[in-house]
Amino acid sequence: MITKKICMLGAFAAGKSCLVKQFVSSIFDDRYLSTLGVKISKKDVSVGDRPMSLILWDMEGKDVYTAVNISYLRGAMGFFIVADGTRRETLEIALDLRRQALEAVGEMPHYLLVNKADLATEWELGRDDIEAVQKTGLRVFVTSAKTGQSVEEAFISLASDML
């Protein structure tokens, strides 16, 4: 079986841990527990007819007081940057983390997940913001860790790109 490491990068409380939990266990828990360092999960999937084991590194969120430990990206074959649609600044943080990641480890498959689609009426990000990111060539999924919207699709798409 092929094993691939995927890292989750983004601002604190953007929903990285909830997205991983939704993908791995189909569970949503709205209690906020900040990740310290990194939490590692695993899920076996099939991409086409190929079995894969995905090792998911849910990394501590970035804010004004913390920096992401880019060394956790070593050995990764892909990554997600996660933004919270209800907080505009998380998109800027995600895009900055993308730049840092690519500088540290080079080009590899990666996507932007704009999370919290279930809270669309509270969003600070608009269609124009997402389209501007897409114009740079970055693939974007609008997700909801709560409802599961586009979560499985995003992870399987990244897994497929890593083959």
N, C-alpha and C. Protein backbone atom coordinates (compact mmCIF):
# COMPACT_ATOMS: atom_id res chain seq x y z
N MET A 1 0.85 -1.18 0.00
CA MET A 1 0.00 0.00 0.00
C MET A 1 0.90 1.24 0.00
N ILE A 2 0.51 2.22 -0.78
CA ILE A 2 1.23 3.49 -0.85
C ILE A 2 0.85 4.33 0.37
N THR A 3 1.84 4.95 1.01
CA THR A 3 1.60 5.85 2.14
C THR A 3 2.02 7.26 1.74
N LYS A 4 1.15 8.24 2.01
CA LYS A 4 1.43 9.63 1.69
C LYS A 4 1.14 10.51 2.90
N LYS A 5 2.01 11.45 3.15
CA LYS A 5 1.86 12.41 4.24
C LYS A 5 1.25 13.70 3.71
N ILE A 6 0.20 14.17 4.39
CA ILE A 6 -0.47 15.43 4.05
C ILE A 6 -0.43 16.32 5.30
N CYS A 7 -0.05 17.57 5.11
CA CYS A 7 -0.04 18.53 6.23
C CYS A 7 -1.20 19.51 6.09
N MET A 8 -1.74 19.90 7.23
CA MET A 8 -2.83 20.88 7.32
C MET A 8 -2.24 22.15 7.92
N LEU A 9 -2.29 23.26 7.15
CA LEU A 9 -1.75 24.54 7.58
C LEU A 9 -2.85 25.58 7.60
N GLY A 10 -2.77 26.51 8.52
CA GLY A 10 -3.74 27.60 8.55
C GLY A 10 -3.71 28.34 9.87
N ALA A 11 -4.56 29.34 9.96
CA ALA A 11 -4.69 30.14 11.18
C ALA A 11 -5.34 29.29 12.28
N PHE A 12 -5.19 29.75 13.51
CA PHE A 12 -5.87 29.07 14.61
C PHE A 12 -7.38 29.15 14.37
N ALA A 13 -8.10 28.12 14.75
CA ALA A 13 -9.56 28.06 14.70
C ALA A 13 -10.15 28.17 13.29
N ALA A 14 -9.34 27.85 12.27
CA ALA A 14 -9.87 27.86 10.90
C ALA A 14 -10.66 26.59 10.60
N GLY A 15 -10.44 25.56 11.41
CA GLY A 15 -11.17 24.31 11.23
C GLY A 15 -10.33 23.14 10.75
N LYS A 16 -9.01 23.25 10.85
CA LYS A 16 -8.13 22.18 10.39
C LYS A 16 -8.43 20.86 11.09
N SER A 17 -8.48 20.89 12.41
CA SER A 17 -8.73 19.66 13.18
C SER A 17 -10.11 19.09 12.89
N CYS A 18 -11.09 19.96 12.75
CA CYS A 18 -12.46 19.51 12.45
C CYS A 18 -12.54 18.90 11.06
N LEU A 19 -11.82 19.45 10.10
CA LEU A 19 -11.80 18.87 8.75
C LEU A 19 -11.17 17.47 8.78
N VAL A 20 -10.08 17.31 9.51
CA VAL A 20 -9.44 16.01 9.63
C VAL A 20 -10.39 15.02 10.30
N LYS A 21 -11.02 15.44 11.39
CA LYS A 21 -11.94 14.55 12.11
C LYS A 21 -13.12 14.16 11.22
N GLN A 22 -13.64 15.11 10.45
CA GLN A 22 -14.75 14.82 9.54
C GLN A 22 -14.31 13.81 8.47
N PHE A 23 -13.12 14.01 7.91
CA PHE A 23 -12.63 13.11 6.87
C PHE A 23 -12.34 11.72 7.43
N VAL A 24 -11.66 11.64 8.55
CA VAL A 24 -11.23 10.35 9.11
C VAL A 24 -12.38 9.58 9.74
N SER A 25 -13.26 10.29 10.49
CA SER A 25 -14.27 9.60 11.30
C SER A 25 -15.71 10.02 11.02
N SER A 26 -15.92 10.96 10.09
CA SER A 26 -17.27 11.49 9.80
C SER A 26 -17.92 12.05 11.06
N ILE A 27 -17.11 12.74 11.86
CA ILE A 27 -17.58 13.31 13.12
C ILE A 27 -17.32 14.81 13.12
N PHE A 28 -18.26 15.58 13.67
CA PHE A 28 -18.05 17.00 13.90
C PHE A 28 -18.25 17.27 15.38
N ASP A 29 -17.30 17.97 15.97
CA ASP A 29 -17.37 18.34 17.38
C ASP A 29 -17.13 19.84 17.43
N ASP A 30 -18.12 20.60 17.91
CA ASP A 30 -17.98 22.06 17.89
C ASP A 30 -17.25 22.62 19.11
N ARG A 31 -16.73 21.77 19.97
CA ARG A 31 -15.89 22.25 21.08
C ARG A 31 -14.53 22.61 20.52
N TYR A 32 -14.04 23.79 20.82
CA TYR A 32 -12.75 24.22 20.30
C TYR A 32 -11.64 23.78 21.23
N LEU A 33 -10.75 22.96 20.70
CA LEU A 33 -9.56 22.54 21.42
C LEU A 33 -8.37 22.86 20.53
N SER A 34 -7.57 23.81 20.94
CA SER A 34 -6.43 24.24 20.14
C SER A 34 -5.41 23.12 20.03
N THR A 35 -4.91 22.90 18.82
CA THR A 35 -3.86 21.91 18.60
C THR A 35 -2.53 22.52 19.03
N LEU A 36 -1.78 21.78 19.80
CA LEU A 36 -0.44 22.20 20.22
C LEU A 36 0.56 21.31 19.49
N GLY A 37 1.45 21.92 18.74
CA GLY A 37 2.42 21.14 17.97
C GLY A 37 1.76 20.54 16.75
N VAL A 38 1.60 19.23 16.78
CA VAL A 38 0.99 18.53 15.65
C VAL A 38 0.22 17.32 16.17
N LYS A 39 -0.90 17.02 15.54
CA LYS A 39 -1.67 15.81 15.84
C LYS A 39 -1.70 14.99 14.56
N ILE A 40 -1.39 13.71 14.67
CA ILE A 40 -1.28 12.86 13.49
C ILE A 40 -2.44 11.86 13.47
N SER A 41 -3.11 11.78 12.31
CA SER A 41 -4.21 10.83 12.10
C SER A 41 -3.91 10.05 10.83
N LYS A 42 -4.66 8.96 10.65
CA LYS A 42 -4.44 8.11 9.48
C LYS A 42 -5.78 7.68 8.92
N LYS A 43 -5.86 7.61 7.59
CA LYS A 43 -7.05 7.06 6.93
C LYS A 43 -6.61 6.32 5.68
N ASP A 44 -7.13 5.11 5.51
CA ASP A 44 -6.89 4.34 4.31
C ASP A 44 -8.00 4.65 3.32
N VAL A 45 -7.61 4.92 2.08
CA VAL A 45 -8.56 5.26 1.02
C VAL A 45 -8.18 4.49 -0.24
N SER A 46 -9.09 4.53 -1.21
CA SER A 46 -8.79 4.03 -2.54
C SER A 46 -8.91 5.18 -3.52
N VAL A 47 -7.89 5.33 -4.34
CA VAL A 47 -7.91 6.33 -5.39
C VAL A 47 -7.93 5.55 -6.69
N GLY A 48 -9.10 5.53 -7.32
CA GLY A 48 -9.29 4.63 -8.45
C GLY A 48 -9.21 3.21 -7.90
N ASP A 49 -8.29 2.43 -8.42
CA ASP A 49 -8.12 1.06 -7.94
C ASP A 49 -6.88 0.91 -7.08
N ARG A 50 -6.31 2.05 -6.65
CA ARG A 50 -5.08 2.01 -5.86
C ARG A 50 -5.34 2.31 -4.40
N PRO A 51 -5.02 1.38 -3.50
CA PRO A 51 -5.16 1.66 -2.07
C PRO A 51 -4.04 2.59 -1.60
N MET A 52 -4.41 3.54 -0.74
CA MET A 52 -3.46 4.49 -0.18
C MET A 52 -3.72 4.65 1.31
N SER A 53 -2.66 4.87 2.02
CA SER A 53 -2.76 5.22 3.43
C SER A 53 -2.35 6.68 3.55
N LEU A 54 -3.26 7.53 4.00
CA LEU A 54 -2.99 8.95 4.17
C LEU A 54 -2.65 9.23 5.62
N ILE A 55 -1.49 9.80 5.84
CA ILE A 55 -1.05 10.20 7.17
C ILE A 55 -1.26 11.72 7.24
N LEU A 56 -2.16 12.15 8.08
CA LEU A 56 -2.59 13.55 8.14
C LEU A 56 -1.94 14.24 9.34
N TRP A 57 -1.14 15.25 9.06
CA TRP A 57 -0.47 16.03 10.10
C TRP A 57 -1.25 17.32 10.28
N ASP A 58 -2.01 17.38 11.36
CA ASP A 58 -2.81 18.55 11.72
C ASP A 58 -1.92 19.45 12.56
N MET A 59 -1.42 20.50 11.93
CA MET A 59 -0.43 21.35 12.57
C MET A 59 -1.07 22.49 13.36
N GLU A 60 -0.38 22.89 14.41
CA GLU A 60 -0.82 24.00 15.25
C GLU A 60 -1.11 25.23 14.39
N GLY A 61 -2.20 25.92 14.72
CA GLY A 61 -2.59 27.10 13.96
C GLY A 61 -1.65 28.27 14.19
N LYS A 62 -1.62 29.15 13.19
CA LYS A 62 -0.77 30.33 13.26
C LYS A 62 -1.59 31.53 13.71
N ASP A 63 -1.02 32.34 14.57
CA ASP A 63 -1.61 33.63 14.93
C ASP A 63 -0.46 34.61 15.17
N VAL A 64 -0.77 35.76 15.70
CA VAL A 64 0.28 36.78 15.89
C VAL A 64 1.31 36.35 16.93
N TYR A 65 1.01 35.37 17.77
CA TYR A 65 1.92 34.96 18.82
C TYR A 65 2.70 33.69 18.49
N THR A 66 2.28 32.96 17.47
CA THR A 66 2.94 31.69 17.15
C THR A 66 3.34 31.65 15.69
N ALA A 67 4.34 30.86 15.42
CA ALA A 67 4.76 30.59 14.04
C ALA A 67 4.61 29.09 13.81
N VAL A 68 4.29 28.73 12.60
CA VAL A 68 4.15 27.32 12.26
C VAL A 68 5.54 26.72 12.09
N ASN A 69 5.73 25.54 12.61
CA ASN A 69 7.00 24.84 12.49
C ASN A 69 7.06 24.19 11.11
N ILE A 70 7.68 24.88 10.17
CA ILE A 70 7.73 24.41 8.79
C ILE A 70 8.47 23.09 8.67
N SER A 71 9.33 22.76 9.64
CA SER A 71 10.06 21.49 9.57
C SER A 71 9.10 20.29 9.59
N TYR A 72 7.88 20.47 10.10
CA TYR A 72 6.90 19.39 10.07
C TYR A 72 6.52 19.00 8.64
N LEU A 73 6.81 19.87 7.68
CA LEU A 73 6.48 19.58 6.28
C LEU A 73 7.44 18.58 5.64
N ARG A 74 8.58 18.33 6.28
CA ARG A 74 9.53 17.37 5.70
C ARG A 74 8.84 16.03 5.48
N GLY A 75 9.00 15.50 4.29
CA GLY A 75 8.42 14.20 3.96
C GLY A 75 6.99 14.27 3.47
N ALA A 76 6.40 15.45 3.50
CA ALA A 76 5.02 15.58 3.02
C ALA A 76 5.00 15.46 1.50
N MET A 77 3.93 14.92 1.00
CA MET A 77 3.74 14.81 -0.45
C MET A 77 2.65 15.76 -0.93
N GLY A 78 2.00 16.45 0.02
CA GLY A 78 0.96 17.40 -0.31
C GLY A 78 0.53 18.13 0.95
N PHE A 79 -0.20 19.23 0.76
CA PHE A 79 -0.69 19.96 1.93
C PHE A 79 -1.94 20.75 1.57
N PHE A 80 -2.70 21.06 2.61
CA PHE A 80 -3.84 21.96 2.51
C PHE A 80 -3.51 23.23 3.28
N ILE A 81 -3.92 24.36 2.75
CA ILE A 81 -3.96 25.57 3.54
C ILE A 81 -5.44 25.83 3.80
N VAL A 82 -5.77 26.17 5.03
CA VAL A 82 -7.17 26.28 5.44
C VAL A 82 -7.45 27.71 5.88
N ALA A 83 -8.52 28.27 5.34
CA ALA A 83 -9.00 29.59 5.75
C ALA A 83 -10.42 29.45 6.27
N ASP A 84 -10.80 30.33 7.15
CA ASP A 84 -12.14 30.38 7.73
C ASP A 84 -12.91 31.49 6.99
N GLY A 85 -13.95 31.12 6.27
CA GLY A 85 -14.71 32.09 5.49
C GLY A 85 -15.30 33.21 6.32
N THR A 86 -15.44 33.00 7.62
CA THR A 86 -16.02 34.04 8.49
C THR A 86 -14.98 35.03 9.01
N ARG A 87 -13.70 34.78 8.69
CA ARG A 87 -12.62 35.67 9.16
C ARG A 87 -11.65 35.95 8.01
N ARG A 88 -11.75 37.13 7.45
CA ARG A 88 -10.95 37.52 6.28
C ARG A 88 -9.45 37.32 6.50
N GLU A 89 -8.95 37.65 7.67
CA GLU A 89 -7.51 37.59 7.90
C GLU A 89 -6.95 36.18 7.77
N THR A 90 -7.79 35.16 7.92
CA THR A 90 -7.29 33.79 7.82
C THR A 90 -6.89 33.44 6.39
N LEU A 91 -7.47 34.10 5.41
CA LEU A 91 -7.06 33.87 4.02
C LEU A 91 -5.64 34.39 3.81
N GLU A 92 -5.35 35.57 4.31
CA GLU A 92 -4.00 36.13 4.19
C GLU A 92 -2.98 35.25 4.90
N ILE A 93 -3.34 34.76 6.07
CA ILE A 93 -2.45 33.86 6.82
C ILE A 93 -2.22 32.58 6.01
N ALA A 94 -3.28 32.01 5.46
CA ALA A 94 -3.16 30.77 4.68
C ALA A 94 -2.25 30.98 3.47
N LEU A 95 -2.43 32.07 2.77
CA LEU A 95 -1.60 32.32 1.59
C LEU A 95 -0.15 32.56 1.96
N ASP A 96 0.09 33.20 3.11
CA ASP A 96 1.46 33.39 3.58
C ASP A 96 2.08 32.04 3.96
N LEU A 97 1.29 31.16 4.60
CA LEU A 97 1.79 29.83 4.95
C LEU A 97 2.11 29.02 3.70
N ARG A 98 1.29 29.20 2.67
CA ARG A 98 1.56 28.52 1.39
C ARG A 98 2.93 28.96 0.85
N ARG A 99 3.17 30.25 0.86
CA ARG A 99 4.46 30.77 0.38
C ARG A 99 5.61 30.17 1.18
N GLN A 100 5.47 30.16 2.51
CA GLN A 100 6.53 29.61 3.37
C GLN A 100 6.75 28.12 3.09
N ALA A 101 5.67 27.39 2.93
CA ALA A 101 5.76 25.95 2.68
C ALA A 101 6.47 25.67 1.36
N LEU A 102 6.08 26.39 0.32
CA LEU A 102 6.70 26.16 -0.99
C LEU A 102 8.17 26.55 -0.99
N GLU A 103 8.53 27.60 -0.24
CA GLU A 103 9.93 27.98 -0.11
C GLU A 103 10.73 26.90 0.63
N ALA A 104 10.10 26.29 1.63
CA ALA A 104 10.79 25.31 2.47
C ALA A 104 10.95 23.95 1.81
N VAL A 105 9.92 23.49 1.11
CA VAL A 105 9.95 22.12 0.60
C VAL A 105 9.79 22.01 -0.91
N GLY A 106 9.58 23.11 -1.59
CA GLY A 106 9.43 23.06 -3.05
C GLY A 106 8.00 22.78 -3.46
N GLU A 107 7.82 22.73 -4.76
CA GLU A 107 6.48 22.54 -5.32
C GLU A 107 5.96 21.13 -5.03
N MET A 108 4.73 21.06 -4.62
CA MET A 108 4.03 19.79 -4.41
C MET A 108 2.54 20.07 -4.48
N PRO A 109 1.69 19.06 -4.68
CA PRO A 109 0.26 19.31 -4.74
C PRO A 109 -0.26 19.94 -3.46
N HIS A 110 -1.10 20.94 -3.62
CA HIS A 110 -1.71 21.61 -2.46
C HIS A 110 -2.94 22.37 -2.91
N TYR A 111 -3.89 22.51 -1.98
CA TYR A 111 -5.14 23.21 -2.24
C TYR A 111 -5.46 24.14 -1.08
N LEU A 112 -6.32 25.09 -1.37
CA LEU A 112 -6.91 25.95 -0.34
C LEU A 112 -8.29 25.41 0.00
N LEU A 113 -8.54 25.20 1.28
CA LEU A 113 -9.87 24.86 1.77
C LEU A 113 -10.43 26.09 2.47
N VAL A 114 -11.52 26.65 1.93
CA VAL A 114 -12.19 27.76 2.61
C VAL A 114 -13.32 27.11 3.40
N ASN A 115 -13.14 27.05 4.69
CA ASN A 115 -14.01 26.26 5.56
C ASN A 115 -15.15 27.10 6.14
N LYS A 116 -16.11 26.40 6.69
CA LYS A 116 -17.29 26.94 7.39
C LYS A 116 -18.36 27.41 6.41
N ALA A 117 -18.55 26.63 5.34
CA ALA A 117 -19.61 26.92 4.36
C ALA A 117 -20.99 26.91 5.01
N ASP A 118 -21.13 26.18 6.10
CA ASP A 118 -22.41 26.13 6.82
C ASP A 118 -22.74 27.46 7.49
N LEU A 119 -21.77 28.36 7.58
CA LEU A 119 -21.97 29.69 8.18
C LEU A 119 -21.91 30.78 7.11
N ALA A 120 -22.35 30.47 5.90
CA ALA A 120 -22.21 31.37 4.75
C ALA A 120 -22.78 32.76 5.00
N THR A 121 -23.84 32.87 5.80
CA THR A 121 -24.43 34.19 6.07
C THR A 121 -23.50 35.06 6.92
N GLU A 122 -22.51 34.46 7.56
CA GLU A 122 -21.58 35.20 8.41
C GLU A 122 -20.22 35.43 7.73
N TRP A 123 -20.09 35.04 6.48
CA TRP A 123 -18.80 35.11 5.81
C TRP A 123 -18.34 36.55 5.58
N GLU A 124 -17.04 36.76 5.80
CA GLU A 124 -16.38 38.01 5.42
C GLU A 124 -15.74 37.87 4.04
N LEU A 125 -15.46 36.63 3.64
CA LEU A 125 -14.91 36.39 2.31
C LEU A 125 -16.04 36.30 1.30
N GLY A 126 -15.81 36.83 0.11
CA GLY A 126 -16.82 36.79 -0.94
C GLY A 126 -16.33 36.00 -2.13
N ARG A 127 -17.23 35.85 -3.10
CA ARG A 127 -16.91 35.12 -4.33
C ARG A 127 -15.68 35.74 -5.02
N ASP A 128 -15.57 37.08 -4.98
CA ASP A 128 -14.43 37.75 -5.61
C ASP A 128 -13.11 37.33 -4.97
N ASP A 129 -13.10 37.17 -3.66
CA ASP A 129 -11.88 36.73 -2.96
C ASP A 129 -11.46 35.35 -3.43
N ILE A 130 -12.42 34.45 -3.54
CA ILE A 130 -12.13 33.08 -3.95
C ILE A 130 -11.69 33.04 -5.41
N GLU A 131 -12.37 33.80 -6.25
CA GLU A 131 -12.00 33.84 -7.67
C GLU A 131 -10.60 34.42 -7.87
N ALA A 132 -10.23 35.41 -7.06
CA ALA A 132 -8.90 36.00 -7.16
C ALA A 132 -7.83 34.95 -6.85
N VAL A 133 -8.09 34.12 -5.84
CA VAL A 133 -7.14 33.05 -5.50
C VAL A 133 -7.09 32.02 -6.62
N GLN A 134 -8.23 31.65 -7.16
CA GLN A 134 -8.27 30.66 -8.24
C GLN A 134 -7.51 31.15 -9.47
N LYS A 135 -7.54 32.44 -9.73
CA LYS A 135 -6.82 33.00 -10.89
C LYS A 135 -5.31 32.83 -10.77
N THR A 136 -4.82 32.62 -9.56
CA THR A 136 -3.38 32.38 -9.38
C THR A 136 -3.02 30.93 -9.70
N GLY A 137 -4.02 30.10 -9.97
CA GLY A 137 -3.78 28.70 -10.28
C GLY A 137 -3.98 27.76 -9.10
N LEU A 138 -4.29 28.31 -7.94
CA LEU A 138 -4.51 27.49 -6.75
C LEU A 138 -5.92 26.93 -6.76
N ARG A 139 -6.04 25.62 -6.61
CA ARG A 139 -7.36 24.99 -6.57
C ARG A 139 -7.99 25.24 -5.21
N VAL A 140 -9.28 25.58 -5.22
CA VAL A 140 -10.00 25.96 -4.00
C VAL A 140 -11.22 25.07 -3.83
N PHE A 141 -11.41 24.59 -2.61
CA PHE A 141 -12.63 23.88 -2.23
C PHE A 141 -13.30 24.68 -1.12
N VAL A 142 -14.59 24.92 -1.25
CA VAL A 142 -15.38 25.52 -0.18
C VAL A 142 -15.95 24.36 0.62
N THR A 143 -15.55 24.27 1.88
CA THR A 143 -15.86 23.11 2.70
C THR A 143 -16.66 23.47 3.95
N SER A 144 -17.24 22.44 4.53
CA SER A 144 -17.84 22.55 5.86
C SER A 144 -17.48 21.30 6.64
N ALA A 145 -16.67 21.49 7.68
CA ALA A 145 -16.35 20.36 8.55
C ALA A 145 -17.60 19.88 9.29
N LYS A 146 -18.55 20.78 9.48
CA LYS A 146 -19.78 20.44 10.20
C LYS A 146 -20.68 19.52 9.37
N THR A 147 -20.94 19.90 8.11
CA THR A 147 -21.85 19.12 7.27
C THR A 147 -21.13 18.09 6.42
N GLY A 148 -19.81 18.23 6.29
CA GLY A 148 -19.04 17.34 5.43
C GLY A 148 -18.94 17.83 3.99
N GLN A 149 -19.51 18.98 3.69
CA GLN A 149 -19.51 19.51 2.32
C GLN A 149 -18.09 19.57 1.75
N SER A 150 -17.88 18.87 0.66
CA SER A 150 -16.63 18.88 -0.13
C SER A 150 -15.40 18.38 0.62
N VAL A 151 -15.55 17.84 1.81
CA VAL A 151 -14.39 17.38 2.58
C VAL A 151 -13.77 16.15 1.94
N GLU A 152 -14.55 15.12 1.75
CA GLU A 152 -14.06 13.88 1.13
C GLU A 152 -13.50 14.18 -0.26
N GLU A 153 -14.22 14.96 -1.03
CA GLU A 153 -13.79 15.31 -2.39
C GLU A 153 -12.41 15.98 -2.38
N ALA A 154 -12.19 16.90 -1.47
CA ALA A 154 -10.91 17.61 -1.40
C ALA A 154 -9.77 16.65 -1.06
N PHE A 155 -9.95 15.82 -0.06
CA PHE A 155 -8.89 14.89 0.35
C PHE A 155 -8.58 13.87 -0.74
N ILE A 156 -9.62 13.34 -1.37
CA ILE A 156 -9.40 12.34 -2.43
C ILE A 156 -8.75 13.00 -3.65
N SER A 157 -9.14 14.23 -3.96
CA SER A 157 -8.51 14.95 -5.08
C SER A 157 -7.02 15.17 -4.82
N LEU A 158 -6.68 15.57 -3.61
CA LEU A 158 -5.27 15.78 -3.28
C LEU A 158 -4.53 14.44 -3.34
N ALA A 159 -5.13 13.39 -2.79
CA ALA A 159 -4.50 12.07 -2.84
C ALA A 159 -4.24 11.65 -4.29
N SER A 160 -5.19 11.89 -5.16
CA SER A 160 -5.05 11.56 -6.57
C SER A 160 -3.91 12.36 -7.20
N ASP A 161 -3.82 13.64 -6.88
CA ASP A 161 -2.74 14.48 -7.42
C ASP A 161 -1.36 14.04 -6.91
N MET A 162 -1.32 13.43 -5.73
CA MET A 162 -0.04 12.99 -5.18
C MET A 162 0.46 11.70 -5.83
N LEU A 163 -0.41 10.98 -6.52
CA LEU A 163 0.03 9.77 -7.22
C LEU A 163 0.85 10.15 -8.37
